[in-house]
Amino acid sequence: MVRITQLRAKCIGCNACVEADKYRWRISKKDGKCTLIGGKEKKGWFSILVDDHEYDSNLLASQHCPVNIIKIEKF
């Protein structure tokens, strides 16, 4: 399993995560920030557990995020 977390409030909407994984990320039309599809919010952090096959693309999303607000944990 892989846990993806995002601190959405600090997102600048650069679209790097969407380019890395269009299935898991999208740009919100309301505020222009990236949204973690399926993520649940807790204290400002959005989080979701996904299968291992999503690890590589979301690791790229994390590495290319210019504000470092995406964290990937594999367990």
N, C-alpha and C. Protein backbone atom coordinates (compact mmCIF):
# COMPACT_ATOMS: atom_id res chain seq x y z
N MET A 1 0.84 -1.20 0.00
CA MET A 1 0.00 0.00 0.00
C MET A 1 0.87 1.25 0.00
N VAL A 2 0.30 2.30 -0.52
CA VAL A 2 0.98 3.59 -0.62
C VAL A 2 0.06 4.66 -0.05
N ARG A 3 0.61 5.52 0.81
CA ARG A 3 -0.15 6.64 1.34
C ARG A 3 0.36 7.91 0.65
N ILE A 4 -0.57 8.65 0.07
CA ILE A 4 -0.26 9.93 -0.55
C ILE A 4 -0.87 11.01 0.33
N THR A 5 -0.07 12.01 0.71
CA THR A 5 -0.59 13.13 1.50
C THR A 5 -0.20 14.44 0.82
N GLN A 6 -1.06 15.43 0.98
CA GLN A 6 -0.85 16.74 0.37
C GLN A 6 -1.32 17.83 1.33
N LEU A 7 -0.51 18.87 1.49
CA LEU A 7 -0.89 20.05 2.24
C LEU A 7 -1.44 21.06 1.24
N ARG A 8 -2.71 20.93 0.93
CA ARG A 8 -3.33 21.66 -0.18
C ARG A 8 -3.30 23.18 -0.02
N ALA A 9 -3.37 23.66 1.19
CA ALA A 9 -3.41 25.11 1.43
C ALA A 9 -2.17 25.82 0.87
N LYS A 10 -1.05 25.12 0.79
CA LYS A 10 0.19 25.73 0.29
C LYS A 10 0.42 25.46 -1.19
N CYS A 11 -0.53 24.81 -1.86
CA CYS A 11 -0.40 24.52 -3.29
C CYS A 11 -0.41 25.81 -4.10
N ILE A 12 0.47 25.87 -5.12
CA ILE A 12 0.51 27.05 -6.00
C ILE A 12 -0.11 26.75 -7.36
N GLY A 13 -0.63 25.54 -7.56
CA GLY A 13 -1.33 25.21 -8.80
C GLY A 13 -0.43 25.12 -10.02
N CYS A 14 0.78 24.62 -9.85
CA CYS A 14 1.74 24.59 -10.96
C CYS A 14 1.45 23.48 -11.98
N ASN A 15 0.62 22.49 -11.60
CA ASN A 15 0.20 21.42 -12.50
C ASN A 15 1.21 20.28 -12.63
N ALA A 16 2.32 20.30 -11.90
CA ALA A 16 3.34 19.24 -12.01
C ALA A 16 2.78 17.89 -11.60
N CYS A 17 1.97 17.84 -10.57
CA CYS A 17 1.42 16.56 -10.11
C CYS A 17 0.40 16.01 -11.12
N VAL A 18 -0.36 16.88 -11.73
CA VAL A 18 -1.33 16.46 -12.74
C VAL A 18 -0.60 15.85 -13.94
N GLU A 19 0.50 16.45 -14.33
CA GLU A 19 1.28 15.92 -15.45
C GLU A 19 1.88 14.56 -15.10
N ALA A 20 2.23 14.34 -13.85
CA ALA A 20 2.82 13.07 -13.42
C ALA A 20 1.77 11.96 -13.32
N ASP A 21 0.56 12.29 -12.87
CA ASP A 21 -0.48 11.27 -12.70
C ASP A 21 -1.87 11.92 -12.85
N LYS A 22 -2.39 11.89 -14.05
CA LYS A 22 -3.69 12.51 -14.33
C LYS A 22 -4.85 11.76 -13.70
N TYR A 23 -4.63 10.52 -13.31
CA TYR A 23 -5.67 9.72 -12.66
C TYR A 23 -5.90 10.18 -11.21
N ARG A 24 -4.84 10.60 -10.52
CA ARG A 24 -4.91 10.90 -9.10
C ARG A 24 -4.98 12.39 -8.78
N TRP A 25 -4.61 13.27 -9.73
CA TRP A 25 -4.55 14.71 -9.48
C TRP A 25 -5.33 15.48 -10.53
N ARG A 26 -5.89 16.63 -10.12
CA ARG A 26 -6.53 17.55 -11.07
C ARG A 26 -6.47 18.97 -10.50
N ILE A 27 -6.61 19.93 -11.40
CA ILE A 27 -6.64 21.34 -11.00
C ILE A 27 -8.09 21.73 -10.73
N SER A 28 -8.33 22.34 -9.58
CA SER A 28 -9.66 22.80 -9.21
C SER A 28 -10.04 24.03 -10.02
N LYS A 29 -11.23 24.03 -10.55
CA LYS A 29 -11.72 25.21 -11.28
C LYS A 29 -12.11 26.33 -10.32
N LYS A 30 -12.35 25.99 -9.05
CA LYS A 30 -12.75 26.99 -8.06
C LYS A 30 -11.60 27.88 -7.61
N ASP A 31 -10.45 27.27 -7.29
CA ASP A 31 -9.35 28.06 -6.74
C ASP A 31 -8.01 27.88 -7.45
N GLY A 32 -7.95 27.03 -8.48
CA GLY A 32 -6.73 26.86 -9.25
C GLY A 32 -5.66 26.01 -8.59
N LYS A 33 -5.99 25.41 -7.46
CA LYS A 33 -5.02 24.55 -6.76
C LYS A 33 -5.22 23.10 -7.18
N CYS A 34 -4.17 22.30 -6.99
CA CYS A 34 -4.25 20.88 -7.31
C CYS A 34 -5.03 20.14 -6.23
N THR A 35 -5.83 19.19 -6.67
CA THR A 35 -6.67 18.41 -5.78
C THR A 35 -6.26 16.94 -5.85
N LEU A 36 -6.09 16.32 -4.70
CA LEU A 36 -5.81 14.89 -4.62
C LEU A 36 -7.14 14.15 -4.74
N ILE A 37 -7.36 13.51 -5.87
CA ILE A 37 -8.64 12.85 -6.13
C ILE A 37 -8.84 11.69 -5.16
N GLY A 38 -9.94 11.72 -4.44
CA GLY A 38 -10.24 10.69 -3.45
C GLY A 38 -9.67 10.95 -2.08
N GLY A 39 -8.90 12.02 -1.94
CA GLY A 39 -8.26 12.33 -0.67
C GLY A 39 -9.26 12.81 0.37
N LYS A 40 -9.02 12.44 1.60
CA LYS A 40 -9.83 12.87 2.74
C LYS A 40 -9.04 13.87 3.56
N GLU A 41 -9.69 14.95 3.98
CA GLU A 41 -9.02 16.04 4.70
C GLU A 41 -9.01 15.80 6.21
N LYS A 42 -7.85 16.06 6.82
CA LYS A 42 -7.72 16.01 8.28
C LYS A 42 -6.66 17.04 8.67
N LYS A 43 -7.09 18.09 9.38
CA LYS A 43 -6.21 19.15 9.85
C LYS A 43 -5.40 19.79 8.72
N GLY A 44 -6.04 20.01 7.58
CA GLY A 44 -5.39 20.67 6.47
C GLY A 44 -4.64 19.76 5.51
N TRP A 45 -4.42 18.53 5.91
CA TRP A 45 -3.73 17.55 5.06
C TRP A 45 -4.76 16.65 4.39
N PHE A 46 -4.59 16.42 3.11
CA PHE A 46 -5.43 15.48 2.37
C PHE A 46 -4.64 14.19 2.20
N SER A 47 -5.30 13.06 2.39
CA SER A 47 -4.60 11.79 2.38
C SER A 47 -5.46 10.70 1.77
N ILE A 48 -4.78 9.72 1.13
CA ILE A 48 -5.47 8.56 0.57
C ILE A 48 -4.50 7.39 0.55
N LEU A 49 -5.04 6.19 0.74
CA LEU A 49 -4.27 4.95 0.58
C LEU A 49 -4.59 4.37 -0.79
N VAL A 50 -3.55 4.03 -1.54
CA VAL A 50 -3.73 3.48 -2.89
C VAL A 50 -2.88 2.22 -3.04
N ASP A 51 -3.11 1.50 -4.13
CA ASP A 51 -2.33 0.30 -4.42
C ASP A 51 -0.92 0.65 -4.88
N ASP A 52 -0.04 -0.34 -4.81
CA ASP A 52 1.36 -0.15 -5.16
C ASP A 52 1.59 0.32 -6.60
N HIS A 53 0.69 -0.01 -7.51
CA HIS A 53 0.91 0.37 -8.91
C HIS A 53 0.88 1.89 -9.12
N GLU A 54 0.39 2.65 -8.14
CA GLU A 54 0.36 4.11 -8.25
C GLU A 54 1.60 4.77 -7.64
N TYR A 55 2.50 3.98 -7.11
CA TYR A 55 3.67 4.53 -6.41
C TYR A 55 4.56 5.37 -7.32
N ASP A 56 4.98 4.82 -8.45
CA ASP A 56 5.97 5.49 -9.30
C ASP A 56 5.47 6.85 -9.82
N SER A 57 4.25 6.89 -10.32
CA SER A 57 3.76 8.15 -10.87
C SER A 57 3.57 9.21 -9.78
N ASN A 58 3.15 8.80 -8.61
CA ASN A 58 2.96 9.77 -7.53
C ASN A 58 4.27 10.15 -6.87
N LEU A 59 5.27 9.28 -6.94
CA LEU A 59 6.61 9.67 -6.49
C LEU A 59 7.13 10.79 -7.39
N LEU A 60 6.89 10.68 -8.69
CA LEU A 60 7.26 11.75 -9.62
C LEU A 60 6.53 13.05 -9.28
N ALA A 61 5.25 12.92 -8.96
CA ALA A 61 4.47 14.11 -8.58
C ALA A 61 5.10 14.78 -7.35
N SER A 62 5.49 13.98 -6.39
CA SER A 62 6.12 14.50 -5.18
C SER A 62 7.46 15.16 -5.47
N GLN A 63 8.26 14.52 -6.31
CA GLN A 63 9.59 15.04 -6.62
C GLN A 63 9.53 16.33 -7.44
N HIS A 64 8.51 16.48 -8.27
CA HIS A 64 8.42 17.66 -9.12
C HIS A 64 7.62 18.81 -8.51
N CYS A 65 7.04 18.59 -7.35
CA CYS A 65 6.28 19.66 -6.68
C CYS A 65 7.26 20.74 -6.20
N PRO A 66 7.15 21.97 -6.72
CA PRO A 66 8.12 23.00 -6.36
C PRO A 66 7.99 23.50 -4.92
N VAL A 67 6.86 23.26 -4.27
CA VAL A 67 6.69 23.71 -2.89
C VAL A 67 6.73 22.54 -1.89
N ASN A 68 7.04 21.34 -2.38
CA ASN A 68 7.24 20.14 -1.53
C ASN A 68 6.09 19.88 -0.56
N ILE A 69 4.87 19.86 -1.07
CA ILE A 69 3.71 19.63 -0.20
C ILE A 69 3.09 18.25 -0.41
N ILE A 70 3.71 17.43 -1.24
CA ILE A 70 3.21 16.07 -1.50
C ILE A 70 4.19 15.08 -0.88
N LYS A 71 3.66 14.17 -0.07
CA LYS A 71 4.49 13.15 0.57
C LYS A 71 3.96 11.77 0.16
N ILE A 72 4.90 10.86 -0.11
CA ILE A 72 4.56 9.50 -0.52
C ILE A 72 5.21 8.55 0.47
N GLU A 73 4.41 7.62 1.01
CA GLU A 73 4.93 6.60 1.93
C GLU A 73 4.50 5.23 1.42
N LYS A 74 5.46 4.33 1.29
CA LYS A 74 5.16 2.97 0.86
C LYS A 74 5.35 2.06 2.06
N PHE A 75 4.34 1.23 2.32
CA PHE A 75 4.44 0.29 3.45
C PHE A 75 3.71 -0.99 3.15
